[in-house]
Amino acid sequence: LGLSRQVTVLAYQFGVGLVDLVNPTNGALLAMVAAVGVRLEEWWKFAVPIMLLLAALATAALAAAVAIGLT
């Protein structure tokens, strides 16, 4: 694809960070949600719009990194 290593790692880090917000198999997420008494469905209703916004920002950041030729 012609991407540098830095852009590839940046894309991976963005993806992992975003998925950890809503991943139901993330033990830390489940423990925190359970500790405060919030249902997982309620958490998703709160987190998904934020995740979509962060995904759009991550896409813009990746596009900028590719455009400036980050190496």
PDB file of N, CA and C in Angstrom:
ATOM      1  N   LEU A   1       0.804  -1.202   0.000  1.00  0.00           N
ATOM      2  CA  LEU A   1       0.000   0.000   0.000  1.00  0.00           C
ATOM      3  C   LEU A   1       0.842   1.259   0.000  1.00  0.00           C
ATOM      4  N   GLY A   2       2.093   1.123   0.274  1.00  0.00           N
ATOM      5  CA  GLY A   2       2.965   2.283   0.284  1.00  0.00           C
ATOM      6  C   GLY A   2       2.908   3.085   1.567  1.00  0.00           C
ATOM      7  N   LEU A   3       2.442   2.485   2.646  1.00  0.00           N
ATOM      8  CA  LEU A   3       2.377   3.181   3.931  1.00  0.00           C
ATOM      9  C   LEU A   3       3.660   2.953   4.711  1.00  0.00           C
ATOM     10  N   SER A   4       4.043   3.960   5.466  1.00  0.00           N
ATOM     11  CA  SER A   4       5.223   3.799   6.303  1.00  0.00           C
ATOM     12  C   SER A   4       4.880   2.964   7.531  1.00  0.00           C
ATOM     13  N   ARG A   5       5.905   2.547   8.216  1.00  0.00           N
ATOM     14  CA  ARG A   5       5.689   1.775   9.444  1.00  0.00           C
ATOM     15  C   ARG A   5       4.965   2.600  10.498  1.00  0.00           C
ATOM     16  N   GLN A   6       5.298   3.879  10.589  1.00  0.00           N
ATOM     17  CA  GLN A   6       4.693   4.733  11.595  1.00  0.00           C
ATOM     18  C   GLN A   6       3.188   4.875  11.372  1.00  0.00           C
ATOM     19  N   VAL A   7       2.773   5.038  10.125  1.00  0.00           N
ATOM     20  CA  VAL A   7       1.350   5.179   9.831  1.00  0.00           C
ATOM     21  C   VAL A   7       0.626   3.869  10.115  1.00  0.00           C
ATOM     22  N   THR A   8       1.256   2.762   9.814  1.00  0.00           N
ATOM     23  CA  THR A   8       0.656   1.459  10.085  1.00  0.00           C
ATOM     24  C   THR A   8       0.465   1.247  11.588  1.00  0.00           C
ATOM     25  N   VAL A   9       1.471   1.577  12.372  1.00  0.00           N
ATOM     26  CA  VAL A   9       1.365   1.432  13.827  1.00  0.00           C
ATOM     27  C   VAL A   9       0.334   2.407  14.381  1.00  0.00           C
ATOM     28  N   LEU A  10       0.283   3.617  13.857  1.00  0.00           N
ATOM     29  CA  LEU A  10      -0.704   4.595  14.293  1.00  0.00           C
ATOM     30  C   LEU A  10      -2.121   4.094  14.028  1.00  0.00           C
ATOM     31  N   ALA A  11      -2.343   3.515  12.849  1.00  0.00           N
ATOM     32  CA  ALA A  11      -3.659   2.967  12.523  1.00  0.00           C
ATOM     33  C   ALA A  11      -4.027   1.832  13.475  1.00  0.00           C
ATOM     34  N   TYR A  12      -3.065   0.973  13.777  1.00  0.00           N
ATOM     35  CA  TYR A  12      -3.315  -0.119  14.719  1.00  0.00           C
ATOM     36  C   TYR A  12      -3.675   0.417  16.103  1.00  0.00           C
ATOM     37  N   GLN A  13      -2.926   1.407  16.579  1.00  0.00           N
ATOM     38  CA  GLN A  13      -3.183   1.959  17.907  1.00  0.00           C
ATOM     39  C   GLN A  13      -4.544   2.631  17.982  1.00  0.00           C
ATOM     40  N   PHE A  14      -4.910   3.368  16.932  1.00  0.00           N
ATOM     41  CA  PHE A  14      -6.240   3.971  16.904  1.00  0.00           C
ATOM     42  C   PHE A  14      -7.313   2.884  16.955  1.00  0.00           C
ATOM     43  N   GLY A  15      -7.150   1.845  16.159  1.00  0.00           N
ATOM     44  CA  GLY A  15      -8.142   0.768  16.115  1.00  0.00           C
ATOM     45  C   GLY A  15      -8.293   0.056  17.442  1.00  0.00           C
ATOM     46  N   VAL A  16      -7.194  -0.289  18.066  1.00  0.00           N
ATOM     47  CA  VAL A  16      -7.237  -0.987  19.353  1.00  0.00           C
ATOM     48  C   VAL A  16      -7.877  -0.104  20.418  1.00  0.00           C
ATOM     49  N   GLY A  17      -7.498   1.155  20.447  1.00  0.00           N
ATOM     50  CA  GLY A  17      -8.050   2.058  21.442  1.00  0.00           C
ATOM     51  C   GLY A  17      -9.546   2.258  21.291  1.00  0.00           C
ATOM     52  N   LEU A  18     -10.012   2.370  20.055  1.00  0.00           N
ATOM     53  CA  LEU A  18     -11.436   2.578  19.824  1.00  0.00           C
ATOM     54  C   LEU A  18     -12.251   1.332  20.128  1.00  0.00           C
ATOM     55  N   VAL A  19     -11.754   0.188  19.739  1.00  0.00           N
ATOM     56  CA  VAL A  19     -12.502  -1.052  19.974  1.00  0.00           C
ATOM     57  C   VAL A  19     -12.578  -1.372  21.462  1.00  0.00           C
ATOM     58  N   ASP A  20     -11.558  -1.000  22.219  1.00  0.00           N
ATOM     59  CA  ASP A  20     -11.574  -1.261  23.663  1.00  0.00           C
ATOM     60  C   ASP A  20     -12.676  -0.488  24.383  1.00  0.00           C
ATOM     61  N   LEU A  21     -13.211   0.562  23.754  1.00  0.00           N
ATOM     62  CA  LEU A  21     -14.312   1.305  24.374  1.00  0.00           C
ATOM     63  C   LEU A  21     -15.605   0.494  24.430  1.00  0.00           C
ATOM     64  N   VAL A  22     -15.803  -0.405  23.484  1.00  0.00           N
ATOM     65  CA  VAL A  22     -17.081  -1.109  23.391  1.00  0.00           C
ATOM     66  C   VAL A  22     -16.948  -2.625  23.346  1.00  0.00           C
ATOM     67  N   ASN A  23     -15.751  -3.153  23.441  1.00  0.00           N
ATOM     68  CA  ASN A  23     -15.529  -4.588  23.345  1.00  0.00           C
ATOM     69  C   ASN A  23     -16.059  -5.303  24.593  1.00  0.00           C
ATOM     70  N   PRO A  24     -17.088  -6.146  24.447  1.00  0.00           N
ATOM     71  CA  PRO A  24     -17.659  -6.802  25.625  1.00  0.00           C
ATOM     72  C   PRO A  24     -16.770  -7.881  26.235  1.00  0.00           C
ATOM     73  N   THR A  25     -15.687  -8.252  25.572  1.00  0.00           N
ATOM     74  CA  THR A  25     -14.783  -9.243  26.156  1.00  0.00           C
ATOM     75  C   THR A  25     -13.593  -8.577  26.850  1.00  0.00           C
ATOM     76  N   ASN A  26     -13.608  -7.268  26.938  1.00  0.00           N
ATOM     77  CA  ASN A  26     -12.569  -6.533  27.647  1.00  0.00           C
ATOM     78  C   ASN A  26     -12.881  -6.614  29.145  1.00  0.00           C
ATOM     79  N   GLY A  27     -12.079  -7.355  29.870  1.00  0.00           N
ATOM     80  CA  GLY A  27     -12.335  -7.575  31.294  1.00  0.00           C
ATOM     81  C   GLY A  27     -12.358  -6.308  32.112  1.00  0.00           C
ATOM     82  N   ALA A  28     -11.450  -5.388  31.821  1.00  0.00           N
ATOM     83  CA  ALA A  28     -11.410  -4.133  32.574  1.00  0.00           C
ATOM     84  C   ALA A  28     -12.680  -3.321  32.337  1.00  0.00           C
ATOM     85  N   LEU A  29     -13.155  -3.279  31.112  1.00  0.00           N
ATOM     86  CA  LEU A  29     -14.390  -2.546  30.810  1.00  0.00           C
ATOM     87  C   LEU A  29     -15.566  -3.156  31.557  1.00  0.00           C
ATOM     88  N   LEU A  30     -15.688  -4.463  31.509  1.00  0.00           N
ATOM     89  CA  LEU A  30     -16.798  -5.118  32.197  1.00  0.00           C
ATOM     90  C   LEU A  30     -16.734  -4.898  33.703  1.00  0.00           C
ATOM     91  N   ALA A  31     -15.532  -4.938  34.266  1.00  0.00           N
ATOM     92  CA  ALA A  31     -15.391  -4.725  35.708  1.00  0.00           C
ATOM     93  C   ALA A  31     -15.789  -3.308  36.097  1.00  0.00           C
ATOM     94  N   MET A  32     -15.366  -2.330  35.313  1.00  0.00           N
ATOM     95  CA  MET A  32     -15.697  -0.937  35.641  1.00  0.00           C
ATOM     96  C   MET A  32     -17.188  -0.664  35.475  1.00  0.00           C
ATOM     97  N   VAL A  33     -17.778  -1.192  34.412  1.00  0.00           N
ATOM     98  CA  VAL A  33     -19.208  -0.992  34.173  1.00  0.00           C
ATOM     99  C   VAL A  33     -20.019  -1.657  35.283  1.00  0.00           C
ATOM    100  N   ALA A  34     -19.603  -2.856  35.688  1.00  0.00           N
ATOM    101  CA  ALA A  34     -20.308  -3.562  36.759  1.00  0.00           C
ATOM    102  C   ALA A  34     -20.135  -2.858  38.100  1.00  0.00           C
ATOM    103  N   ALA A  35     -18.952  -2.300  38.334  1.00  0.00           N
ATOM    104  CA  ALA A  35     -18.689  -1.651  39.615  1.00  0.00           C
ATOM    105  C   ALA A  35     -19.572  -0.427  39.837  1.00  0.00           C
ATOM    106  N   VAL A  36     -19.911   0.262  38.762  1.00  0.00           N
ATOM    107  CA  VAL A  36     -20.742   1.462  38.910  1.00  0.00           C
ATOM    108  C   VAL A  36     -22.219   1.175  38.674  1.00  0.00           C
ATOM    109  N   GLY A  37     -22.549  -0.068  38.372  1.00  0.00           N
ATOM    110  CA  GLY A  37     -23.948  -0.467  38.232  1.00  0.00           C
ATOM    111  C   GLY A  37     -24.602  -0.036  36.939  1.00  0.00           C
ATOM    112  N   VAL A  38     -23.832   0.069  35.874  1.00  0.00           N
ATOM    113  CA  VAL A  38     -24.376   0.454  34.571  1.00  0.00           C
ATOM    114  C   VAL A  38     -24.478  -0.795  33.714  1.00  0.00           C
ATOM    115  N   ARG A  39     -25.601  -0.939  33.050  1.00  0.00           N
ATOM    116  CA  ARG A  39     -25.754  -2.079  32.139  1.00  0.00           C
ATOM    117  C   ARG A  39     -24.892  -1.856  30.902  1.00  0.00           C
ATOM    118  N   LEU A  40     -24.424  -2.943  30.313  1.00  0.00           N
ATOM    119  CA  LEU A  40     -23.547  -2.840  29.149  1.00  0.00           C
ATOM    120  C   LEU A  40     -24.262  -2.166  27.980  1.00  0.00           C
ATOM    121  N   GLU A  41     -25.542  -2.410  27.824  1.00  0.00           N
ATOM    122  CA  GLU A  41     -26.301  -1.770  26.738  1.00  0.00           C
ATOM    123  C   GLU A  41     -26.350  -0.255  26.921  1.00  0.00           C
ATOM    124  N   GLU A  42     -26.481   0.189  28.170  1.00  0.00           N
ATOM    125  CA  GLU A  42     -26.474   1.626  28.450  1.00  0.00           C
ATOM    126  C   GLU A  42     -25.104   2.229  28.134  1.00  0.00           C
ATOM    127  N   TRP A  43     -24.058   1.477  28.459  1.00  0.00           N
ATOM    128  CA  TRP A  43     -22.708   1.950  28.161  1.00  0.00           C
ATOM    129  C   TRP A  43     -22.532   2.094  26.654  1.00  0.00           C
ATOM    130  N   TRP A  44     -23.015   1.118  25.888  1.00  0.00           N
ATOM    131  CA  TRP A  44     -22.895   1.197  24.435  1.00  0.00           C
ATOM    132  C   TRP A  44     -23.624   2.408  23.877  1.00  0.00           C
ATOM    133  N   LYS A  45     -24.823   2.696  24.414  1.00  0.00           N
ATOM    134  CA  LYS A  45     -25.564   3.870  23.940  1.00  0.00           C
ATOM    135  C   LYS A  45     -24.780   5.154  24.201  1.00  0.00           C
ATOM    136  N   PHE A  46     -24.014   5.173  25.279  1.00  0.00           N
ATOM    137  CA  PHE A  46     -23.197   6.331  25.591  1.00  0.00           C
ATOM    138  C   PHE A  46     -21.902   6.336  24.769  1.00  0.00           C
ATOM    139  N   ALA A  47     -21.247   5.184  24.638  1.00  0.00           N
ATOM    140  CA  ALA A  47     -19.908   5.116  24.073  1.00  0.00           C
ATOM    141  C   ALA A  47     -19.871   5.096  22.549  1.00  0.00           C
ATOM    142  N   VAL A  48     -20.882   4.525  21.905  1.00  0.00           N
ATOM    143  CA  VAL A  48     -20.829   4.407  20.440  1.00  0.00           C
ATOM    144  C   VAL A  48     -20.788   5.765  19.738  1.00  0.00           C
ATOM    145  N   PRO A  49     -21.609   6.745  20.118  1.00  0.00           N
ATOM    146  CA  PRO A  49     -21.471   8.049  19.449  1.00  0.00           C
ATOM    147  C   PRO A  49     -20.087   8.679  19.659  1.00  0.00           C
ATOM    148  N   ILE A  50     -19.535   8.517  20.861  1.00  0.00           N
ATOM    149  CA  ILE A  50     -18.193   9.031  21.120  1.00  0.00           C
ATOM    150  C   ILE A  50     -17.177   8.283  20.270  1.00  0.00           C
ATOM    151  N   MET A  51     -17.347   6.961  20.171  1.00  0.00           N
ATOM    152  CA  MET A  51     -16.432   6.163  19.364  1.00  0.00           C
ATOM    153  C   MET A  51     -16.481   6.581  17.902  1.00  0.00           C
ATOM    154  N   LEU A  52     -17.677   6.869  17.390  1.00  0.00           N
ATOM    155  CA  LEU A  52     -17.792   7.295  15.993  1.00  0.00           C
ATOM    156  C   LEU A  52     -17.101   8.637  15.768  1.00  0.00           C
ATOM    157  N   LEU A  53     -17.242   9.548  16.717  1.00  0.00           N
ATOM    158  CA  LEU A  53     -16.545  10.831  16.612  1.00  0.00           C
ATOM    159  C   LEU A  53     -15.034  10.629  16.642  1.00  0.00           C
ATOM    160  N   LEU A  54     -14.566   9.808  17.567  1.00  0.00           N
ATOM    161  CA  LEU A  54     -13.132   9.537  17.648  1.00  0.00           C
ATOM    162  C   LEU A  54     -12.626   8.814  16.414  1.00  0.00           C
ATOM    163  N   ALA A  55     -13.445   7.946  15.827  1.00  0.00           N
ATOM    164  CA  ALA A  55     -13.055   7.262  14.593  1.00  0.00           C
ATOM    165  C   ALA A  55     -12.903   8.261  13.451  1.00  0.00           C
ATOM    166  N   ALA A  56     -13.794   9.244  13.390  1.00  0.00           N
ATOM    167  CA  ALA A  56     -13.683  10.273  12.352  1.00  0.00           C
ATOM    168  C   ALA A  56     -12.414  11.101  12.559  1.00  0.00           C
ATOM    169  N   LEU A  57     -12.113  11.440  13.801  1.00  0.00           N
ATOM    170  CA  LEU A  57     -10.883  12.179  14.081  1.00  0.00           C
ATOM    171  C   LEU A  57      -9.642  11.341  13.768  1.00  0.00           C
ATOM    172  N   ALA A  58      -9.690  10.054  14.083  1.00  0.00           N
ATOM    173  CA  ALA A  58      -8.570   9.165  13.779  1.00  0.00           C
ATOM    174  C   ALA A  58      -8.373   9.044  12.271  1.00  0.00           C
ATOM    175  N   THR A  59      -9.482   8.980  11.536  1.00  0.00           N
ATOM    176  CA  THR A  59      -9.389   8.914  10.076  1.00  0.00           C
ATOM    177  C   THR A  59      -8.737  10.175   9.519  1.00  0.00           C
ATOM    178  N   ALA A  60      -9.131  11.323  10.053  1.00  0.00           N
ATOM    179  CA  ALA A  60      -8.530  12.584   9.614  1.00  0.00           C
ATOM    180  C   ALA A  60      -7.040  12.630   9.955  1.00  0.00           C
ATOM    181  N   ALA A  61      -6.690  12.159  11.135  1.00  0.00           N
ATOM    182  CA  ALA A  61      -5.282  12.144  11.542  1.00  0.00           C
ATOM    183  C   ALA A  61      -4.461  11.206  10.664  1.00  0.00           C
ATOM    184  N   LEU A  62      -5.027  10.048  10.329  1.00  0.00           N
ATOM    185  CA  LEU A  62      -4.324   9.109   9.450  1.00  0.00           C
ATOM    186  C   LEU A  62      -4.179   9.683   8.045  1.00  0.00           C
ATOM    187  N   ALA A  63      -5.230  10.335   7.558  1.00  0.00           N
ATOM    188  CA  ALA A  63      -5.153  10.957   6.243  1.00  0.00           C
ATOM    189  C   ALA A  63      -4.082  12.047   6.215  1.00  0.00           C
ATOM    190  N   ALA A  64      -4.001  12.822   7.294  1.00  0.00           N
ATOM    191  CA  ALA A  64      -2.974  13.856   7.385  1.00  0.00           C
ATOM    192  C   ALA A  64      -1.590  13.239   7.438  1.00  0.00           C
ATOM    193  N   ALA A  65      -1.433  12.147   8.176  1.00  0.00           N
ATOM    194  CA  ALA A  65      -0.137  11.478   8.279  1.00  0.00           C
ATOM    195  C   ALA A  65       0.309  10.939   6.925  1.00  0.00           C
ATOM    196  N   VAL A  66      -0.629  10.397   6.167  1.00  0.00           N
ATOM    197  CA  VAL A  66      -0.295   9.887   4.834  1.00  0.00           C
ATOM    198  C   VAL A  66       0.014  11.050   3.893  1.00  0.00           C
ATOM    199  N   ALA A  67      -0.758  12.135   4.000  1.00  0.00           N
ATOM    200  CA  ALA A  67      -0.580  13.264   3.113  1.00  0.00           C
ATOM    201  C   ALA A  67       0.765  13.960   3.304  1.00  0.00           C
ATOM    202  N   ILE A  68       1.237  14.051   4.553  1.00  0.00           N
ATOM    203  CA  ILE A  68       2.520  14.718   4.784  1.00  0.00           C
ATOM    204  C   ILE A  68       3.691  13.768   4.610  1.00  0.00           C
ATOM    205  N   GLY A  69       3.383  12.508   4.331  1.00  0.00           N
ATOM    206  CA  GLY A  69       4.446  11.539   4.086  1.00  0.00           C
ATOM    207  C   GLY A  69       5.209  11.174   5.324  1.00  0.00           C
ATOM    208  N   LEU A  70       4.517  10.956   6.408  1.00  0.00           N
ATOM    209  CA  LEU A  70       5.144  10.582   7.670  1.00  0.00           C
ATOM    210  C   LEU A  70       5.969   9.328   7.475  1.00  0.00           C
ATOM    211  N   THR A  71       7.268   9.428   7.757  1.00  0.00           N
ATOM    212  CA  THR A  71       8.139   8.263   7.590  1.00  0.00           C
ATOM    213  C   THR A  71       8.885   7.966   8.854  1.00  0.00           C
TER     214      THR A  71
END
